[in-house]
Amino acid sequence: MKGLITICARGGSQGVPRKNIRLVNGKPLIQYTIDIAKKFNQDVRIVCSTDSADIIKLVNEFGIDTPFVRSASLSNNKCGKVEVIRDCFMRCEDIYHEEYDYVMDLDVTNPLRTIKDLENAFDIYNKSTPEILFSVTSSHKNPYFNMVEMDKSGNIQLVKNAGMYSRRQDVPKVYSMNASIYIYSRDFMLDKNKLSPLSSDKISIYEMNAKSAVDIDSIDDLEYVEYLIKRGFFENE
C-alpha cells in the first residue's frame, strides 16, 4: 500500500506561543514527530501542512516536503483537523501524481510516541480494515461511575446512567482520545461529508501508555515532557 504521513502544524498557538517550533530539551518540538515518521518502514510520503514560513524553512532543513502553503481559511483555531488533513491528501495526490491508500496523521504536540506505537497501530489498522483508527489511553474517569454533568435545570447527574454501578471494576471500559496517531482510509478521505474522526461507524483503536501519549497544551505539559526526556524516556524504546 502507498501511504501519506501528514504533519499538520499551523503557525499560531494560543496556549504556548510558537509551540510547534519551540525548543524541547534542545530540539524543536516538531522534530520529534519528524524523526519518528522517518523511522516508519512503509511505502509512505511524509509532508507538512502549514501556513508558517518559519515552519516551512525548519522542516525543509529536516528533509520534509511542504508542497504548498496552507490557506488562511484552514489555519485558524476554528477549523477542524479532518478538513486540514483532507486538503493535504487531495493536494498531494494532485501535486505528486500519486494515489494514497491511507493517511497517517501525527500530531506535533505528542512528541513521546515511539516507532513501536506507529508499527502497532498500523498493524491493527491492516488487520481490522476500518475507515479510521485513532490512538487512545485508558481513561482515569468513567462516565458510568465518577463523571457528572449539570442538566438544563441545574441538576447534577451521572454523564451515563446505566444502572448506577457501585464498583469501578464493573463499569464498561472507556478510553480517552489522545490525538497522537490517526490513520484514515482512502474511502474516508474521499467522503467530504465526514468531518470528524467519529463520523464513521467503522472505527478501530490503538491503546497507548499514558506517558507516550502526553499531549502538550500548556507550559506545564511542555515542562513535564522535558522532564521525561531528561529521565531517559526514549532510551529503551
C-alpha atoms as a PDB file:
ATOM      1  CA  MET A   1       0.000   0.000   0.000  1.00  0.00           C
ATOM      2  CA  LYS A   2       1.040   3.562  -0.646  1.00  0.00           C
ATOM      3  CA  GLY A   3       0.567   5.870   2.326  1.00  0.00           C
ATOM      4  CA  LEU A   4       0.764   9.551   3.145  1.00  0.00           C
ATOM      5  CA  ILE A   5       2.022  10.794   6.509  1.00  0.00           C
ATOM      6  CA  THR A   6       0.764  14.269   7.356  1.00  0.00           C
ATOM      7  CA  ILE A   7       2.322  16.535   9.956  1.00  0.00           C
ATOM      8  CA  CYS A   8      -0.030  19.472  10.384  1.00  0.00           C
ATOM      9  CA  ALA A   9       1.480  22.499  12.120  1.00  0.00           C
ATOM     10  CA  ARG A  10      -0.018  25.954  11.841  1.00  0.00           C
ATOM     11  CA  GLY A  11       1.985  28.969  12.902  1.00  0.00           C
ATOM     12  CA  GLY A  12      -0.368  30.289  15.585  1.00  0.00           C
ATOM     13  CA  SER A  13      -0.868  28.798  19.046  1.00  0.00           C
ATOM     14  CA  GLN A  14      -2.981  30.111  21.907  1.00  0.00           C
ATOM     15  CA  GLY A  15      -1.693  28.043  24.834  1.00  0.00           C
ATOM     16  CA  VAL A  16       2.056  28.024  24.119  1.00  0.00           C
ATOM     17  CA  PRO A  17       3.375  30.708  21.709  1.00  0.00           C
ATOM     18  CA  ARG A  18       5.203  29.267  18.665  1.00  0.00           C
ATOM     19  CA  LYS A  19       4.598  25.857  20.202  1.00  0.00           C
ATOM     20  CA  ASN A  20       5.327  23.737  17.146  1.00  0.00           C
ATOM     21  CA  ILE A  21       8.906  25.008  16.793  1.00  0.00           C
ATOM     22  CA  ARG A  22       9.621  25.743  20.446  1.00  0.00           C
ATOM     23  CA  LEU A  23      12.733  24.004  21.778  1.00  0.00           C
ATOM     24  CA  VAL A  24      12.040  20.970  23.951  1.00  0.00           C
ATOM     25  CA  ASN A  25      15.187  19.640  25.560  1.00  0.00           C
ATOM     26  CA  GLY A  26      17.236  21.332  22.841  1.00  0.00           C
ATOM     27  CA  LYS A  27      15.175  20.184  19.839  1.00  0.00           C
ATOM     28  CA  PRO A  28      12.278  21.916  18.064  1.00  0.00           C
ATOM     29  CA  LEU A  29       9.055  20.210  19.123  1.00  0.00           C
ATOM     30  CA  ILE A  30       8.170  19.315  15.533  1.00  0.00           C
ATOM     31  CA  GLN A  31      11.457  17.443  15.099  1.00  0.00           C
ATOM     32  CA  TYR A  32      10.344  14.663  17.455  1.00  0.00           C
ATOM     33  CA  THR A  33       7.423  13.851  15.161  1.00  0.00           C
ATOM     34  CA  ILE A  34       9.575  14.132  12.035  1.00  0.00           C
ATOM     35  CA  ASP A  35      12.183  11.757  13.469  1.00  0.00           C
ATOM     36  CA  ILE A  36       9.557   9.103  14.265  1.00  0.00           C
ATOM     37  CA  ALA A  37       7.857   9.479  10.872  1.00  0.00           C
ATOM     38  CA  LYS A  38      11.172   8.865   9.120  1.00  0.00           C
ATOM     39  CA  LYS A  39      11.608   5.588  11.032  1.00  0.00           C
ATOM     40  CA  PHE A  40       8.273   4.194   9.810  1.00  0.00           C
ATOM     41  CA  ASN A  41       9.310   1.378   7.487  1.00  0.00           C
ATOM     42  CA  GLN A  42       6.474   1.506   4.958  1.00  0.00           C
ATOM     43  CA  ASP A  43       5.987   2.970   1.486  1.00  0.00           C
ATOM     44  CA  VAL A  44       4.961   6.470   2.537  1.00  0.00           C
ATOM     45  CA  ARG A  45       5.440  10.076   1.569  1.00  0.00           C
ATOM     46  CA  ILE A  46       5.913  12.471   4.511  1.00  0.00           C
ATOM     47  CA  VAL A  47       4.668  16.040   4.149  1.00  0.00           C
ATOM     48  CA  CYS A  48       3.981  19.014   6.394  1.00  0.00           C
ATOM     49  CA  SER A  49       0.880  21.191   6.046  1.00  0.00           C
ATOM     50  CA  THR A  50       1.494  24.664   7.432  1.00  0.00           C
ATOM     51  CA  ASP A  51       0.831  28.348   6.891  1.00  0.00           C
ATOM     52  CA  SER A  52       4.091  29.439   8.555  1.00  0.00           C
ATOM     53  CA  ALA A  53       7.239  30.466   6.655  1.00  0.00           C
ATOM     54  CA  ASP A  54       9.308  29.678   9.757  1.00  0.00           C
ATOM     55  CA  ILE A  55       7.925  26.141   9.954  1.00  0.00           C
ATOM     56  CA  ILE A  56       8.410  25.606   6.217  1.00  0.00           C
ATOM     57  CA  LYS A  57      12.061  26.634   6.492  1.00  0.00           C
ATOM     58  CA  LEU A  58      12.647  24.407   9.523  1.00  0.00           C
ATOM     59  CA  VAL A  59      11.014  21.225   8.236  1.00  0.00           C
ATOM     60  CA  ASN A  60      12.701  21.612   4.846  1.00  0.00           C
ATOM     61  CA  GLU A  61      16.017  21.595   6.691  1.00  0.00           C
ATOM     62  CA  PHE A  62      14.973  18.227   8.150  1.00  0.00           C
ATOM     63  CA  GLY A  63      14.212  16.908   4.653  1.00  0.00           C
ATOM     64  CA  ILE A  64      10.409  17.091   4.873  1.00  0.00           C
ATOM     65  CA  ASP A  65       8.386  18.436   1.932  1.00  0.00           C
ATOM     66  CA  THR A  66       5.982  21.351   2.270  1.00  0.00           C
ATOM     67  CA  PRO A  67       4.416  21.129  -1.203  1.00  0.00           C
ATOM     68  CA  PHE A  68       2.005  24.035  -0.636  1.00  0.00           C
ATOM     69  CA  VAL A  69       1.225  26.821   1.821  1.00  0.00           C
ATOM     70  CA  ARG A  70      -1.922  26.068   3.789  1.00  0.00           C
ATOM     71  CA  SER A  71      -4.723  28.550   3.145  1.00  0.00           C
ATOM     72  CA  ALA A  72      -5.775  31.075   5.783  1.00  0.00           C
ATOM     73  CA  SER A  73      -9.254  29.524   5.962  1.00  0.00           C
ATOM     74  CA  LEU A  74      -7.702  26.241   7.122  1.00  0.00           C
ATOM     75  CA  SER A  75      -5.233  27.869   9.521  1.00  0.00           C
ATOM     76  CA  ASN A  76      -7.481  29.303  12.217  1.00  0.00           C
ATOM     77  CA  ASN A  77      -8.349  27.645  15.516  1.00  0.00           C
ATOM     78  CA  LYS A  78     -11.963  27.066  14.449  1.00  0.00           C
ATOM     79  CA  CYS A  79     -11.087  24.784  11.541  1.00  0.00           C
ATOM     80  CA  GLY A  80     -11.462  21.035  12.078  1.00  0.00           C
ATOM     81  CA  LYS A  81      -8.395  18.807  11.769  1.00  0.00           C
ATOM     82  CA  VAL A  82     -10.063  16.411   9.317  1.00  0.00           C
ATOM     83  CA  GLU A  83     -10.596  19.286   6.866  1.00  0.00           C
ATOM     84  CA  VAL A  84      -6.886  20.139   7.045  1.00  0.00           C
ATOM     85  CA  ILE A  85      -5.823  16.521   6.501  1.00  0.00           C
ATOM     86  CA  ARG A  86      -8.259  16.049   3.618  1.00  0.00           C
ATOM     87  CA  ASP A  87      -6.972  19.224   1.971  1.00  0.00           C
ATOM     88  CA  CYS A  88      -3.416  17.902   2.263  1.00  0.00           C
ATOM     89  CA  PHE A  89      -4.458  14.491   0.911  1.00  0.00           C
ATOM     90  CA  MET A  90      -6.159  15.933  -2.157  1.00  0.00           C
ATOM     91  CA  ARG A  91      -3.389  18.429  -2.900  1.00  0.00           C
ATOM     92  CA  CYS A  92      -0.622  15.826  -2.561  1.00  0.00           C
ATOM     93  CA  GLU A  93      -2.361  13.384  -4.912  1.00  0.00           C
ATOM     94  CA  ASP A  94      -2.542  16.175  -7.475  1.00  0.00           C
ATOM     95  CA  ILE A  95       0.971  17.553  -6.920  1.00  0.00           C
ATOM     96  CA  TYR A  96       2.821  14.232  -6.794  1.00  0.00           C
ATOM     97  CA  HIS A  97       0.519  12.345  -9.204  1.00  0.00           C
ATOM     98  CA  GLU A  98       0.108   9.582  -6.631  1.00  0.00           C
ATOM     99  CA  GLU A  99      -2.857   7.715  -5.160  1.00  0.00           C
ATOM    100  CA  TYR A 100      -2.771   7.042  -1.427  1.00  0.00           C
ATOM    101  CA  ASP A 101      -4.453   4.062   0.196  1.00  0.00           C
ATOM    102  CA  TYR A 102      -4.383   5.677   3.634  1.00  0.00           C
ATOM    103  CA  VAL A 103      -3.267   8.766   5.529  1.00  0.00           C
ATOM    104  CA  MET A 104      -1.445   8.594   8.853  1.00  0.00           C
ATOM    105  CA  ASP A 105      -1.640  11.891  10.706  1.00  0.00           C
ATOM    106  CA  LEU A 106       0.846  12.564  13.515  1.00  0.00           C
ATOM    107  CA  ASP A 107       0.112  15.465  15.824  1.00  0.00           C
ATOM    108  CA  VAL A 108       3.148  17.638  16.595  1.00  0.00           C
ATOM    109  CA  THR A 109       2.090  18.093  20.217  1.00  0.00           C
ATOM    110  CA  ASN A 110       2.589  14.385  21.007  1.00  0.00           C
ATOM    111  CA  PRO A 111       6.402  14.108  20.926  1.00  0.00           C
ATOM    112  CA  LEU A 112       6.770  10.967  23.054  1.00  0.00           C
ATOM    113  CA  ARG A 113       5.083   8.461  20.743  1.00  0.00           C
ATOM    114  CA  THR A 114       7.534   5.756  19.652  1.00  0.00           C
ATOM    115  CA  ILE A 115       8.134   3.832  16.457  1.00  0.00           C
ATOM    116  CA  LYS A 116       6.570   0.834  18.198  1.00  0.00           C
ATOM    117  CA  ASP A 117       3.386   2.885  18.598  1.00  0.00           C
ATOM    118  CA  LEU A 118       3.290   3.602  14.857  1.00  0.00           C
ATOM    119  CA  GLU A 119       4.001  -0.001  13.920  1.00  0.00           C
ATOM    120  CA  ASN A 120       1.464  -1.446  16.360  1.00  0.00           C
ATOM    121  CA  ALA A 121      -1.233   0.993  15.290  1.00  0.00           C
ATOM    122  CA  PHE A 122      -0.605   0.259  11.613  1.00  0.00           C
ATOM    123  CA  ASP A 123      -0.722  -3.497  12.278  1.00  0.00           C
ATOM    124  CA  ILE A 124      -4.154  -3.153  13.904  1.00  0.00           C
ATOM    125  CA  TYR A 125      -5.319  -0.974  11.012  1.00  0.00           C
ATOM    126  CA  ASN A 126      -4.246  -3.599   8.468  1.00  0.00           C
ATOM    127  CA  LYS A 127      -5.912  -6.444  10.325  1.00  0.00           C
ATOM    128  CA  SER A 128      -9.206  -4.710  11.109  1.00  0.00           C
ATOM    129  CA  THR A 129      -9.510  -2.610   7.906  1.00  0.00           C
ATOM    130  CA  PRO A 130     -11.555   0.225   9.446  1.00  0.00           C
ATOM    131  CA  GLU A 131     -12.283   3.587   7.867  1.00  0.00           C
ATOM    132  CA  ILE A 132     -10.352   5.173  10.708  1.00  0.00           C
ATOM    133  CA  LEU A 133      -8.075   4.139  13.537  1.00  0.00           C
ATOM    134  CA  PHE A 134      -7.092   6.505  16.331  1.00  0.00           C
ATOM    135  CA  SER A 135      -4.911   6.187  19.401  1.00  0.00           C
ATOM    136  CA  VAL A 136      -6.369   6.245  22.908  1.00  0.00           C
ATOM    137  CA  THR A 137      -5.364   5.837  26.529  1.00  0.00           C
ATOM    138  CA  SER A 138      -7.301   4.166  29.306  1.00  0.00           C
ATOM    139  CA  SER A 139      -9.429   6.837  30.963  1.00  0.00           C
ATOM    140  CA  HIS A 140      -8.988   7.559  34.673  1.00  0.00           C
ATOM    141  CA  LYS A 141     -12.511   8.944  34.863  1.00  0.00           C
ATOM    142  CA  ASN A 142     -15.545   6.942  33.819  1.00  0.00           C
ATOM    143  CA  PRO A 143     -18.900   8.450  32.761  1.00  0.00           C
ATOM    144  CA  TYR A 144     -20.689   5.411  34.212  1.00  0.00           C
ATOM    145  CA  PHE A 145     -19.135   5.879  37.651  1.00  0.00           C
ATOM    146  CA  ASN A 146     -17.463   9.175  38.622  1.00  0.00           C
ATOM    147  CA  MET A 147     -18.201  11.783  35.944  1.00  0.00           C
ATOM    148  CA  VAL A 148     -21.194  14.064  36.451  1.00  0.00           C
ATOM    149  CA  GLU A 149     -22.882  16.796  34.419  1.00  0.00           C
ATOM    150  CA  MET A 150     -25.395  19.550  35.023  1.00  0.00           C
ATOM    151  CA  ASP A 151     -28.651  19.356  33.077  1.00  0.00           C
ATOM    152  CA  LYS A 152     -30.667  22.335  31.825  1.00  0.00           C
ATOM    153  CA  SER A 153     -32.485  22.570  35.153  1.00  0.00           C
ATOM    154  CA  GLY A 154     -29.247  22.769  37.112  1.00  0.00           C
ATOM    155  CA  ASN A 155     -29.486  19.235  38.476  1.00  0.00           C
ATOM    156  CA  ILE A 156     -26.317  17.131  38.797  1.00  0.00           C
ATOM    157  CA  GLN A 157     -26.387  13.618  37.400  1.00  0.00           C
ATOM    158  CA  LEU A 158     -24.054  10.947  36.078  1.00  0.00           C
ATOM    159  CA  VAL A 159     -22.996  11.516  32.472  1.00  0.00           C
ATOM    160  CA  LYS A 160     -24.167   7.981  31.674  1.00  0.00           C
ATOM    161  CA  ASN A 161     -26.674   6.344  34.000  1.00  0.00           C
ATOM    162  CA  ALA A 162     -26.741   2.649  33.159  1.00  0.00           C
ATOM    163  CA  GLY A 163     -27.898   1.073  36.391  1.00  0.00           C
ATOM    164  CA  MET A 164     -25.797   3.118  38.834  1.00  0.00           C
ATOM    165  CA  TYR A 165     -22.726   0.890  39.118  1.00  0.00           C
ATOM    166  CA  SER A 166     -21.419   0.717  42.670  1.00  0.00           C
ATOM    167  CA  ARG A 167     -17.943  -0.640  41.859  1.00  0.00           C
ATOM    168  CA  ARG A 168     -15.394   0.765  39.430  1.00  0.00           C
ATOM    169  CA  GLN A 169     -14.442  -2.782  38.424  1.00  0.00           C
ATOM    170  CA  ASP A 170     -17.923  -3.401  36.984  1.00  0.00           C
ATOM    171  CA  VAL A 171     -18.283  -0.385  34.717  1.00  0.00           C
ATOM    172  CA  PRO A 172     -17.761  -0.592  30.935  1.00  0.00           C
ATOM    173  CA  LYS A 173     -14.230   0.159  29.728  1.00  0.00           C
ATOM    174  CA  VAL A 174     -13.835   3.700  28.395  1.00  0.00           C
ATOM    175  CA  TYR A 175     -10.934   5.454  26.695  1.00  0.00           C
ATOM    176  CA  SER A 176      -9.643   8.974  26.147  1.00  0.00           C
ATOM    177  CA  MET A 177      -8.723  10.003  22.608  1.00  0.00           C
ATOM    178  CA  ASN A 178      -5.204  11.435  22.722  1.00  0.00           C
ATOM    179  CA  ALA A 179      -4.699  12.806  19.169  1.00  0.00           C
ATOM    180  CA  SER A 180      -1.273  11.162  18.790  1.00  0.00           C
ATOM    181  CA  ILE A 181      -1.968   8.824  15.846  1.00  0.00           C
ATOM    182  CA  TYR A 182      -4.794   8.826  13.322  1.00  0.00           C
ATOM    183  CA  ILE A 183      -4.994   6.539  10.302  1.00  0.00           C
ATOM    184  CA  TYR A 184      -7.692   7.337   7.733  1.00  0.00           C
ATOM    185  CA  SER A 185      -8.644   5.095   4.828  1.00  0.00           C
ATOM    186  CA  ARG A 186      -8.859   6.425   1.294  1.00  0.00           C
ATOM    187  CA  ASP A 187     -12.648   5.979   1.365  1.00  0.00           C
ATOM    188  CA  PHE A 188     -12.894   8.184   4.459  1.00  0.00           C
ATOM    189  CA  MET A 189     -10.766  10.889   2.848  1.00  0.00           C
ATOM    190  CA  LEU A 190     -12.867  10.902  -0.316  1.00  0.00           C
ATOM    191  CA  ASP A 191     -16.131  11.313   1.608  1.00  0.00           C
ATOM    192  CA  LYS A 192     -16.343  15.060   2.227  1.00  0.00           C
ATOM    193  CA  ASN A 193     -19.393  14.620   4.463  1.00  0.00           C
ATOM    194  CA  LYS A 194     -17.204  13.039   7.130  1.00  0.00           C
ATOM    195  CA  LEU A 195     -15.826  15.930   9.156  1.00  0.00           C
ATOM    196  CA  SER A 196     -14.634  14.285  12.368  1.00  0.00           C
ATOM    197  CA  PRO A 197     -12.918  11.031  13.435  1.00  0.00           C
ATOM    198  CA  LEU A 198     -16.246   9.865  14.871  1.00  0.00           C
ATOM    199  CA  SER A 199     -18.120  10.374  11.592  1.00  0.00           C
ATOM    200  CA  SER A 200     -17.577   6.733  10.688  1.00  0.00           C
ATOM    201  CA  ASP A 201     -19.139   3.582  12.114  1.00  0.00           C
ATOM    202  CA  LYS A 202     -16.029   1.581  11.154  1.00  0.00           C
ATOM    203  CA  ILE A 203     -13.533   2.577  13.849  1.00  0.00           C
ATOM    204  CA  SER A 204     -10.578   0.790  15.428  1.00  0.00           C
ATOM    205  CA  ILE A 205      -8.431   1.989  18.312  1.00  0.00           C
ATOM    206  CA  TYR A 206      -4.836   1.574  19.415  1.00  0.00           C
ATOM    207  CA  GLU A 207      -4.226   1.887  23.155  1.00  0.00           C
ATOM    208  CA  MET A 208      -1.040   3.705  24.153  1.00  0.00           C
ATOM    209  CA  ASN A 209       0.540   4.027  27.564  1.00  0.00           C
ATOM    210  CA  ALA A 210      -0.104   7.304  29.342  1.00  0.00           C
ATOM    211  CA  LYS A 211       3.452   8.664  29.106  1.00  0.00           C
ATOM    212  CA  SER A 212       3.950   8.118  25.380  1.00  0.00           C
ATOM    213  CA  ALA A 213       0.554   9.746  24.788  1.00  0.00           C
ATOM    214  CA  VAL A 214       1.284  13.028  26.608  1.00  0.00           C
ATOM    215  CA  ASP A 215      -0.164  15.961  24.647  1.00  0.00           C
ATOM    216  CA  ILE A 216       1.390  19.422  25.017  1.00  0.00           C
ATOM    217  CA  ASP A 217      -1.315  22.036  25.534  1.00  0.00           C
ATOM    218  CA  SER A 218       0.372  24.188  28.167  1.00  0.00           C
ATOM    219  CA  ILE A 219       3.741  25.235  29.570  1.00  0.00           C
ATOM    220  CA  ASP A 220       3.237  22.685  32.361  1.00  0.00           C
ATOM    221  CA  ASP A 221       2.824  19.908  29.770  1.00  0.00           C
ATOM    222  CA  LEU A 222       5.952  21.063  27.981  1.00  0.00           C
ATOM    223  CA  GLU A 223       7.985  21.022  31.194  1.00  0.00           C
ATOM    224  CA  TYR A 224       6.681  17.536  32.028  1.00  0.00           C
ATOM    225  CA  VAL A 225       7.741  16.257  28.609  1.00  0.00           C
ATOM    226  CA  GLU A 226      11.216  17.744  29.058  1.00  0.00           C
ATOM    227  CA  TYR A 227      11.424  16.018  32.428  1.00  0.00           C
ATOM    228  CA  LEU A 228      10.541  12.644  30.900  1.00  0.00           C
ATOM    229  CA  ILE A 229      13.069  13.049  28.087  1.00  0.00           C
ATOM    230  CA  LYS A 230      15.828  14.014  30.501  1.00  0.00           C
ATOM    231  CA  ARG A 231      14.993  10.935  32.566  1.00  0.00           C
ATOM    232  CA  GLY A 232      15.714   8.780  29.511  1.00  0.00           C
ATOM    233  CA  PHE A 233      12.176   8.094  28.281  1.00  0.00           C
ATOM    234  CA  PHE A 234      13.399   7.123  24.800  1.00  0.00           C
ATOM    235  CA  GLU A 235      16.388   5.013  25.855  1.00  0.00           C
ATOM    236  CA  ASN A 236      14.566   1.688  25.831  1.00  0.00           C
ATOM    237  CA  GLU A 237      12.071   2.435  23.079  1.00  0.00           C
END
